[in-house]
Amino acid sequence: MTDETSGATGESADDEVLPKWGTAELTLRFPPFPEPGALSDPYFAPHDPVRARAVVEALGTVAEVLEELPDRPEVGDVSSTAVRADLELVAVGCWGNVVHVLDPALVGDLLADPMDTEVLRQRQLHPEARIAGSVEVDYGNSYLQDLVVLPGGEEMNVFGWDCDDDWDYVGDPEAVLRALGIGREAAAAAEFDLDEEPRDRDWSALGTLAIWGVATGHHAVDRQVSVFRVRRTENAAFDLEEIWFGRS
């Protein structure tokens, strides 16, 4: 990865990242929130690239925007991280009152938690917003994290390795659902089932409920995003080196 003063590096076999796959998504939804129990798709405005640039410039992982690349028609068109230069790319979607960020610098494991740090920053910047974060990184075994933070203070943070039985569960999922106004049956129909054992629950579905509600057909993948090449902060550069290159 580049340092604080350089731009994109060239690509070579030595630049290939260690994880087989990794992603980190941070999503904020500002009021108005979905009506509890509403089943119709929420309306979102078209992507706002001007606001997207302001969002990326405000991230704690970004020291400076070096280049704005062509927009991608869909979130799914954003390439996965494969080489060192990919770690300089951040994608941002701004659709009405929803902001969606894909940033490899937010990928962490049990030794580093950049997602937690950024969620705390966003909570301080935007106390009125619902925030959801999701991390997955695969070294052969996968580290996963899902967290939800609501304006009233309710939160849930779940993280661990898929090969371990002992995961960390911080928060109260029932309190989160109550704050969202979503009952157990509706949550279960949306694939977050409190009757399952904690280790077996689809925790990412709780974040989906917080951002999108129980609406059918809700997806970020078919929405336009802006892509930026950035210079990283010192802390982000260190975490990126450790997560993507330093641990096997």
C-alpha atoms as a PDB file:
ATOM      1  CA  MET A   1       0.000   0.000   0.000  1.00  0.00           C
ATOM      2  CA  THR A   2       1.099   3.557  -0.520  1.00  0.00           C
ATOM      3  CA  ASP A   3       2.288   5.717   2.332  1.00  0.00           C
ATOM      4  CA  GLU A   4       0.925   9.102   3.377  1.00  0.00           C
ATOM      5  CA  THR A   5       2.612  10.977   0.517  1.00  0.00           C
ATOM      6  CA  SER A   6       2.439   8.647  -2.465  1.00  0.00           C
ATOM      7  CA  GLY A   7      -0.227   7.667  -4.977  1.00  0.00           C
ATOM      8  CA  ALA A   8      -1.293   4.330  -6.415  1.00  0.00           C
ATOM      9  CA  THR A   9       1.316   1.624  -6.726  1.00  0.00           C
ATOM     10  CA  GLY A  10       1.877  -0.722  -9.631  1.00  0.00           C
ATOM     11  CA  GLU A  11       0.577  -4.269  -9.427  1.00  0.00           C
ATOM     12  CA  SER A  12       2.696  -7.423  -9.258  1.00  0.00           C
ATOM     13  CA  ALA A  13       2.487 -10.880  -7.765  1.00  0.00           C
ATOM     14  CA  ASP A  14       4.047  -9.483  -4.589  1.00  0.00           C
ATOM     15  CA  ASP A  15       1.107  -7.075  -4.279  1.00  0.00           C
ATOM     16  CA  GLU A  16      -1.495  -9.844  -3.970  1.00  0.00           C
ATOM     17  CA  VAL A  17      -3.356  -9.746  -0.662  1.00  0.00           C
ATOM     18  CA  LEU A  18      -3.349 -12.658   1.770  1.00  0.00           C
ATOM     19  CA  PRO A  19      -7.098 -13.059   2.373  1.00  0.00           C
ATOM     20  CA  LYS A  20      -8.965 -15.060  -0.227  1.00  0.00           C
ATOM     21  CA  TRP A  21     -11.772 -12.554   0.110  1.00  0.00           C
ATOM     22  CA  GLY A  22     -12.692  -9.635   2.327  1.00  0.00           C
ATOM     23  CA  THR A  23     -15.284  -6.897   2.527  1.00  0.00           C
ATOM     24  CA  ALA A  24     -16.486  -4.199   4.905  1.00  0.00           C
ATOM     25  CA  GLU A  25     -19.751  -2.304   4.501  1.00  0.00           C
ATOM     26  CA  LEU A  26     -20.908   0.639   6.601  1.00  0.00           C
ATOM     27  CA  THR A  27     -24.457   1.928   6.150  1.00  0.00           C
ATOM     28  CA  LEU A  28     -26.247   4.887   7.719  1.00  0.00           C
ATOM     29  CA  ARG A  29     -29.928   5.696   7.457  1.00  0.00           C
ATOM     30  CA  PHE A  30     -31.164   9.109   8.468  1.00  0.00           C
ATOM     31  CA  PRO A  31     -34.753   9.980   9.391  1.00  0.00           C
ATOM     32  CA  PRO A  32     -37.393   9.335   8.250  1.00  0.00           C
ATOM     33  CA  PHE A  33     -37.064   5.657   9.081  1.00  0.00           C
ATOM     34  CA  PRO A  34     -39.163   2.832   7.609  1.00  0.00           C
ATOM     35  CA  GLU A  35     -42.587   2.394   9.149  1.00  0.00           C
ATOM     36  CA  PRO A  36     -42.573  -0.697  11.396  1.00  0.00           C
ATOM     37  CA  GLY A  37     -44.123  -3.601   9.546  1.00  0.00           C
ATOM     38  CA  ALA A  38     -44.256  -1.826   6.177  1.00  0.00           C
ATOM     39  CA  LEU A  39     -43.859  -4.328   3.348  1.00  0.00           C
ATOM     40  CA  SER A  40     -43.603  -1.960   0.396  1.00  0.00           C
ATOM     41  CA  ASP A  41     -40.235  -0.934  -1.018  1.00  0.00           C
ATOM     42  CA  PRO A  42     -38.985   2.363   0.375  1.00  0.00           C
ATOM     43  CA  TYR A  43     -38.283   5.113  -2.126  1.00  0.00           C
ATOM     44  CA  PHE A  44     -34.748   6.389  -2.473  1.00  0.00           C
ATOM     45  CA  ALA A  45     -33.517   9.292  -4.552  1.00  0.00           C
ATOM     46  CA  PRO A  46     -30.884   8.743  -7.267  1.00  0.00           C
ATOM     47  CA  HIS A  47     -27.248   8.592  -6.216  1.00  0.00           C
ATOM     48  CA  ASP A  48     -25.737  11.951  -5.233  1.00  0.00           C
ATOM     49  CA  PRO A  49     -22.026  11.999  -6.238  1.00  0.00           C
ATOM     50  CA  VAL A  50     -21.375  15.422  -4.674  1.00  0.00           C
ATOM     51  CA  ARG A  51     -22.551  14.195  -1.291  1.00  0.00           C
ATOM     52  CA  ALA A  52     -20.605  10.953  -1.804  1.00  0.00           C
ATOM     53  CA  ARG A  53     -17.368  12.922  -2.047  1.00  0.00           C
ATOM     54  CA  ALA A  54     -18.174  14.741   1.187  1.00  0.00           C
ATOM     55  CA  VAL A  55     -18.852  11.391   2.866  1.00  0.00           C
ATOM     56  CA  VAL A  56     -15.546   9.830   1.790  1.00  0.00           C
ATOM     57  CA  GLU A  57     -13.609  12.935   2.816  1.00  0.00           C
ATOM     58  CA  ALA A  58     -15.102  12.671   6.319  1.00  0.00           C
ATOM     59  CA  LEU A  59     -14.155   9.012   6.894  1.00  0.00           C
ATOM     60  CA  GLY A  60     -11.614   8.374   9.613  1.00  0.00           C
ATOM     61  CA  THR A  61      -9.691   6.030   7.299  1.00  0.00           C
ATOM     62  CA  VAL A  62      -9.127   8.721   4.641  1.00  0.00           C
ATOM     63  CA  ALA A  63      -6.524  11.478   4.771  1.00  0.00           C
ATOM     64  CA  GLU A  64      -7.204  12.850   1.286  1.00  0.00           C
ATOM     65  CA  VAL A  65      -9.106  12.051  -1.895  1.00  0.00           C
ATOM     66  CA  LEU A  66      -6.545  11.668  -4.682  1.00  0.00           C
ATOM     67  CA  GLU A  67      -8.834  10.870  -7.583  1.00  0.00           C
ATOM     68  CA  GLU A  68     -12.511  10.426  -8.374  1.00  0.00           C
ATOM     69  CA  LEU A  69     -12.978   7.440 -10.675  1.00  0.00           C
ATOM     70  CA  PRO A  70     -15.959   6.762 -12.957  1.00  0.00           C
ATOM     71  CA  ASP A  71     -19.144   5.891 -11.097  1.00  0.00           C
ATOM     72  CA  ARG A  72     -20.197   2.242 -11.030  1.00  0.00           C
ATOM     73  CA  PRO A  73     -23.790   1.609 -12.153  1.00  0.00           C
ATOM     74  CA  GLU A  74     -24.299  -0.891  -9.332  1.00  0.00           C
ATOM     75  CA  VAL A  75     -22.688  -1.699  -5.987  1.00  0.00           C
ATOM     76  CA  GLY A  76     -22.047  -5.186  -7.331  1.00  0.00           C
ATOM     77  CA  ASP A  77     -19.776  -3.698  -9.995  1.00  0.00           C
ATOM     78  CA  VAL A  78     -17.216  -2.652  -7.378  1.00  0.00           C
ATOM     79  CA  SER A  79     -14.260  -5.015  -7.718  1.00  0.00           C
ATOM     80  CA  SER A  80     -13.221  -7.118  -4.750  1.00  0.00           C
ATOM     81  CA  THR A  81      -9.852  -6.450  -3.149  1.00  0.00           C
ATOM     82  CA  ALA A  82      -7.152  -8.504  -4.867  1.00  0.00           C
ATOM     83  CA  VAL A  83      -3.961  -6.415  -4.946  1.00  0.00           C
ATOM     84  CA  ARG A  84      -2.359  -3.629  -2.943  1.00  0.00           C
ATOM     85  CA  ALA A  85      -3.662  -0.818  -5.156  1.00  0.00           C
ATOM     86  CA  ASP A  86      -7.265  -1.932  -4.477  1.00  0.00           C
ATOM     87  CA  LEU A  87      -6.790  -0.939  -0.835  1.00  0.00           C
ATOM     88  CA  GLU A  88      -6.743   2.698  -1.925  1.00  0.00           C
ATOM     89  CA  LEU A  89     -10.293   2.502  -3.297  1.00  0.00           C
ATOM     90  CA  VAL A  90     -13.450   3.478  -1.415  1.00  0.00           C
ATOM     91  CA  ALA A  91     -16.961   3.259  -2.881  1.00  0.00           C
ATOM     92  CA  VAL A  92     -19.821   5.398  -1.573  1.00  0.00           C
ATOM     93  CA  GLY A  93     -23.512   5.365  -2.429  1.00  0.00           C
ATOM     94  CA  CYS A  94     -25.778   8.242  -1.339  1.00  0.00           C
ATOM     95  CA  TRP A  95     -29.427   7.478  -2.058  1.00  0.00           C
ATOM     96  CA  GLY A  96     -31.714   9.964  -0.367  1.00  0.00           C
ATOM     97  CA  ASN A  97     -31.473   9.329   3.365  1.00  0.00           C
ATOM     98  CA  VAL A  98     -29.224   6.255   3.022  1.00  0.00           C
ATOM     99  CA  VAL A  99     -25.409   6.366   2.871  1.00  0.00           C
ATOM    100  CA  HIS A 100     -23.527   3.175   2.015  1.00  0.00           C
ATOM    101  CA  VAL A 101     -19.726   2.834   2.226  1.00  0.00           C
ATOM    102  CA  LEU A 102     -17.491   0.000   1.025  1.00  0.00           C
ATOM    103  CA  ASP A 103     -13.992   0.458   2.416  1.00  0.00           C
ATOM    104  CA  PRO A 104     -11.334  -2.274   2.812  1.00  0.00           C
ATOM    105  CA  ALA A 105      -9.744  -0.197   5.589  1.00  0.00           C
ATOM    106  CA  LEU A 106     -12.741  -1.108   7.776  1.00  0.00           C
ATOM    107  CA  VAL A 107     -11.962  -4.834   7.588  1.00  0.00           C
ATOM    108  CA  GLY A 108     -10.664  -6.107  10.928  1.00  0.00           C
ATOM    109  CA  ASP A 109     -10.184  -9.186  13.068  1.00  0.00           C
ATOM    110  CA  LEU A 110      -9.835  -9.897  16.779  1.00  0.00           C
ATOM    111  CA  LEU A 111      -6.533  -7.977  16.846  1.00  0.00           C
ATOM    112  CA  ALA A 112      -7.829  -4.848  15.081  1.00  0.00           C
ATOM    113  CA  ASP A 113     -11.302  -3.306  15.064  1.00  0.00           C
ATOM    114  CA  PRO A 114     -11.403  -0.390  12.605  1.00  0.00           C
ATOM    115  CA  MET A 115     -15.124  -0.888  12.010  1.00  0.00           C
ATOM    116  CA  ASP A 116     -15.867  -0.284  15.689  1.00  0.00           C
ATOM    117  CA  THR A 117     -13.753   2.863  15.614  1.00  0.00           C
ATOM    118  CA  GLU A 118     -15.507   4.230  12.535  1.00  0.00           C
ATOM    119  CA  VAL A 119     -18.980   3.388  13.821  1.00  0.00           C
ATOM    120  CA  LEU A 120     -18.183   5.287  17.031  1.00  0.00           C
ATOM    121  CA  ARG A 121     -17.021   8.275  14.941  1.00  0.00           C
ATOM    122  CA  GLN A 122     -20.173   8.185  12.838  1.00  0.00           C
ATOM    123  CA  ARG A 123     -22.337   7.906  15.947  1.00  0.00           C
ATOM    124  CA  GLN A 124     -20.722  11.056  17.330  1.00  0.00           C
ATOM    125  CA  LEU A 125     -21.060  12.863  13.992  1.00  0.00           C
ATOM    126  CA  HIS A 126     -24.618  11.682  13.311  1.00  0.00           C
ATOM    127  CA  PRO A 127     -26.413  10.754  16.554  1.00  0.00           C
ATOM    128  CA  GLU A 128     -29.746  10.853  14.701  1.00  0.00           C
ATOM    129  CA  ALA A 129     -28.803   8.054  12.284  1.00  0.00           C
ATOM    130  CA  ARG A 130     -29.205   4.305  12.406  1.00  0.00           C
ATOM    131  CA  ILE A 131     -25.853   2.666  11.704  1.00  0.00           C
ATOM    132  CA  ALA A 132     -25.049  -0.862  10.579  1.00  0.00           C
ATOM    133  CA  GLY A 133     -21.646  -2.370   9.865  1.00  0.00           C
ATOM    134  CA  SER A 134     -20.656  -5.725   8.416  1.00  0.00           C
ATOM    135  CA  VAL A 135     -17.206  -7.302   8.015  1.00  0.00           C
ATOM    136  CA  GLU A 136     -16.060 -10.592   6.522  1.00  0.00           C
ATOM    137  CA  VAL A 137     -12.502 -11.635   5.777  1.00  0.00           C
ATOM    138  CA  ASP A 138     -11.520 -15.126   4.649  1.00  0.00           C
ATOM    139  CA  TYR A 139      -8.038 -16.544   5.271  1.00  0.00           C
ATOM    140  CA  GLY A 140      -9.311 -20.108   4.857  1.00  0.00           C
ATOM    141  CA  ASN A 141     -11.233 -19.554   8.074  1.00  0.00           C
ATOM    142  CA  SER A 142     -13.450 -16.477   8.076  1.00  0.00           C
ATOM    143  CA  TYR A 143     -13.679 -13.667  10.587  1.00  0.00           C
ATOM    144  CA  LEU A 144     -17.112 -12.055  10.681  1.00  0.00           C
ATOM    145  CA  GLN A 145     -18.604  -9.056  12.430  1.00  0.00           C
ATOM    146  CA  ASP A 146     -22.057  -7.484  12.363  1.00  0.00           C
ATOM    147  CA  LEU A 147     -23.071  -4.497  14.420  1.00  0.00           C
ATOM    148  CA  VAL A 148     -26.053  -2.189  14.745  1.00  0.00           C
ATOM    149  CA  VAL A 149     -26.231   1.117  16.620  1.00  0.00           C
ATOM    150  CA  LEU A 150     -29.503   3.045  16.987  1.00  0.00           C
ATOM    151  CA  PRO A 151     -30.130   6.693  17.939  1.00  0.00           C
ATOM    152  CA  GLY A 152     -31.674   5.723  21.271  1.00  0.00           C
ATOM    153  CA  GLY A 153     -28.482   3.940  22.355  1.00  0.00           C
ATOM    154  CA  GLU A 154     -29.619   0.386  21.627  1.00  0.00           C
ATOM    155  CA  GLU A 155     -26.872  -1.630  19.963  1.00  0.00           C
ATOM    156  CA  MET A 156     -25.684  -5.101  19.065  1.00  0.00           C
ATOM    157  CA  ASN A 157     -22.159  -6.151  18.162  1.00  0.00           C
ATOM    158  CA  VAL A 158     -21.352  -9.750  17.217  1.00  0.00           C
ATOM    159  CA  PHE A 159     -17.938 -10.988  16.103  1.00  0.00           C
ATOM    160  CA  GLY A 160     -15.767 -14.087  15.883  1.00  0.00           C
ATOM    161  CA  TRP A 161     -14.128 -16.710  13.689  1.00  0.00           C
ATOM    162  CA  ASP A 162     -16.324 -19.233  11.929  1.00  0.00           C
ATOM    163  CA  CYS A 163     -14.142 -22.065  13.244  1.00  0.00           C
ATOM    164  CA  ASP A 164     -14.640 -21.059  16.902  1.00  0.00           C
ATOM    165  CA  ASP A 165     -17.580 -21.822  19.153  1.00  0.00           C
ATOM    166  CA  ASP A 166     -16.994 -18.846  21.453  1.00  0.00           C
ATOM    167  CA  TRP A 167     -18.127 -15.621  19.789  1.00  0.00           C
ATOM    168  CA  ASP A 168     -18.546 -12.240  21.434  1.00  0.00           C
ATOM    169  CA  TYR A 169     -22.093 -10.885  21.768  1.00  0.00           C
ATOM    170  CA  VAL A 170     -22.357  -7.330  23.057  1.00  0.00           C
ATOM    171  CA  GLY A 171     -25.818  -5.797  23.380  1.00  0.00           C
ATOM    172  CA  ASP A 172     -29.444  -6.904  23.376  1.00  0.00           C
ATOM    173  CA  PRO A 173     -31.052  -7.933  20.061  1.00  0.00           C
ATOM    174  CA  GLU A 174     -34.539  -7.849  21.552  1.00  0.00           C
ATOM    175  CA  ALA A 175     -34.005  -4.231  22.641  1.00  0.00           C
ATOM    176  CA  VAL A 176     -32.846  -3.405  19.117  1.00  0.00           C
ATOM    177  CA  LEU A 177     -35.974  -4.974  17.598  1.00  0.00           C
ATOM    178  CA  ARG A 178     -38.225  -3.151  20.081  1.00  0.00           C
ATOM    179  CA  ALA A 179     -36.578   0.149  19.181  1.00  0.00           C
ATOM    180  CA  LEU A 180     -37.135  -0.637  15.491  1.00  0.00           C
ATOM    181  CA  GLY A 181     -40.781  -1.458  16.191  1.00  0.00           C
ATOM    182  CA  ILE A 182     -40.370  -4.904  14.628  1.00  0.00           C
ATOM    183  CA  GLY A 183     -41.892  -7.960  16.306  1.00  0.00           C
ATOM    184  CA  ARG A 184     -40.258 -11.372  16.643  1.00  0.00           C
ATOM    185  CA  GLU A 185     -42.406 -12.964  13.945  1.00  0.00           C
ATOM    186  CA  ALA A 186     -41.731 -10.215  11.414  1.00  0.00           C
ATOM    187  CA  ALA A 187     -38.020 -10.400  12.216  1.00  0.00           C
ATOM    188  CA  ALA A 188     -38.022 -14.161  11.766  1.00  0.00           C
ATOM    189  CA  ALA A 189     -39.769 -13.785   8.403  1.00  0.00           C
ATOM    190  CA  ALA A 190     -36.906 -11.422   7.466  1.00  0.00           C
ATOM    191  CA  GLU A 191     -34.399 -14.153   8.450  1.00  0.00           C
ATOM    192  CA  PHE A 192     -33.463 -12.869  11.909  1.00  0.00           C
ATOM    193  CA  ASP A 193     -34.912 -15.496  14.232  1.00  0.00           C
ATOM    194  CA  LEU A 194     -34.544 -14.963  17.981  1.00  0.00           C
ATOM    195  CA  ASP A 195     -35.653 -18.556  18.582  1.00  0.00           C
ATOM    196  CA  GLU A 196     -32.408 -19.805  17.075  1.00  0.00           C
ATOM    197  CA  GLU A 197     -29.273 -20.168  19.149  1.00  0.00           C
ATOM    198  CA  PRO A 198     -27.129 -17.001  19.000  1.00  0.00           C
ATOM    199  CA  ARG A 199     -24.362 -18.800  17.091  1.00  0.00           C
ATOM    200  CA  ASP A 200     -26.878 -19.869  14.402  1.00  0.00           C
ATOM    201  CA  ARG A 201     -28.598 -16.515  13.830  1.00  0.00           C
ATOM    202  CA  ASP A 202     -28.113 -14.498  10.655  1.00  0.00           C
ATOM    203  CA  TRP A 203     -26.805 -11.386  12.405  1.00  0.00           C
ATOM    204  CA  SER A 204     -26.409  -9.455   9.170  1.00  0.00           C
ATOM    205  CA  ALA A 205     -30.196  -9.618   8.840  1.00  0.00           C
ATOM    206  CA  LEU A 206     -30.534  -7.474  11.983  1.00  0.00           C
ATOM    207  CA  GLY A 207     -28.554  -4.719  10.251  1.00  0.00           C
ATOM    208  CA  THR A 208     -30.741  -5.112   7.185  1.00  0.00           C
ATOM    209  CA  LEU A 209     -33.846  -4.614   9.338  1.00  0.00           C
ATOM    210  CA  ALA A 210     -32.350  -1.507  10.926  1.00  0.00           C
ATOM    211  CA  ILE A 211     -31.553   0.135   7.583  1.00  0.00           C
ATOM    212  CA  TRP A 212     -34.180  -1.182   5.180  1.00  0.00           C
ATOM    213  CA  GLY A 213     -36.985  -2.347   7.471  1.00  0.00           C
ATOM    214  CA  VAL A 214     -38.996  -5.399   6.518  1.00  0.00           C
ATOM    215  CA  ALA A 215     -39.575  -4.145   2.966  1.00  0.00           C
ATOM    216  CA  THR A 216     -39.375  -6.791   0.271  1.00  0.00           C
ATOM    217  CA  GLY A 217     -36.935  -6.379  -2.576  1.00  0.00           C
ATOM    218  CA  HIS A 218     -34.626  -4.059  -0.652  1.00  0.00           C
ATOM    219  CA  HIS A 219     -31.109  -4.182  -2.056  1.00  0.00           C
ATOM    220  CA  ALA A 220     -28.146  -1.850  -2.240  1.00  0.00           C
ATOM    221  CA  VAL A 221     -26.444  -3.957  -4.908  1.00  0.00           C
ATOM    222  CA  ASP A 222     -28.419  -2.494  -7.810  1.00  0.00           C
ATOM    223  CA  ARG A 223     -27.769   1.151  -6.912  1.00  0.00           C
ATOM    224  CA  GLN A 224     -25.157   3.493  -8.350  1.00  0.00           C
ATOM    225  CA  VAL A 225     -22.015   4.360  -6.365  1.00  0.00           C
ATOM    226  CA  SER A 226     -19.047   6.721  -6.672  1.00  0.00           C
ATOM    227  CA  VAL A 227     -15.522   5.319  -6.410  1.00  0.00           C
ATOM    228  CA  PHE A 228     -12.526   7.243  -5.051  1.00  0.00           C
ATOM    229  CA  ARG A 229      -8.807   6.606  -4.866  1.00  0.00           C
ATOM    230  CA  VAL A 230      -7.614   7.904  -1.508  1.00  0.00           C
ATOM    231  CA  ARG A 231      -4.535   8.527   0.590  1.00  0.00           C
ATOM    232  CA  ARG A 232      -4.875   6.757   3.917  1.00  0.00           C
ATOM    233  CA  THR A 233      -4.390   8.076   7.415  1.00  0.00           C
ATOM    234  CA  GLU A 234      -1.424   6.689   9.326  1.00  0.00           C
ATOM    235  CA  ASN A 235      -3.612   4.443  11.501  1.00  0.00           C
ATOM    236  CA  ALA A 236      -5.571   3.126   8.529  1.00  0.00           C
ATOM    237  CA  ALA A 237      -2.372   2.438   6.578  1.00  0.00           C
ATOM    238  CA  PHE A 238      -1.008   0.393   9.497  1.00  0.00           C
ATOM    239  CA  ASP A 239      -4.220  -1.639   9.887  1.00  0.00           C
ATOM    240  CA  LEU A 240      -4.402  -2.292   6.149  1.00  0.00           C
ATOM    241  CA  GLU A 241      -0.842  -3.613   6.092  1.00  0.00           C
ATOM    242  CA  GLU A 242      -1.508  -5.884   9.068  1.00  0.00           C
ATOM    243  CA  ILE A 243      -4.879  -7.231   7.923  1.00  0.00           C
ATOM    244  CA  TRP A 244      -4.210  -7.676   4.228  1.00  0.00           C
ATOM    245  CA  PHE A 245      -0.485  -8.504   4.208  1.00  0.00           C
ATOM    246  CA  GLY A 246       0.888  -9.068   7.698  1.00  0.00           C
ATOM    247  CA  ARG A 247      -1.023 -12.112   8.941  1.00  0.00           C
ATOM    248  CA  SER A 248      -1.247 -15.521   7.344  1.00  0.00           C
END
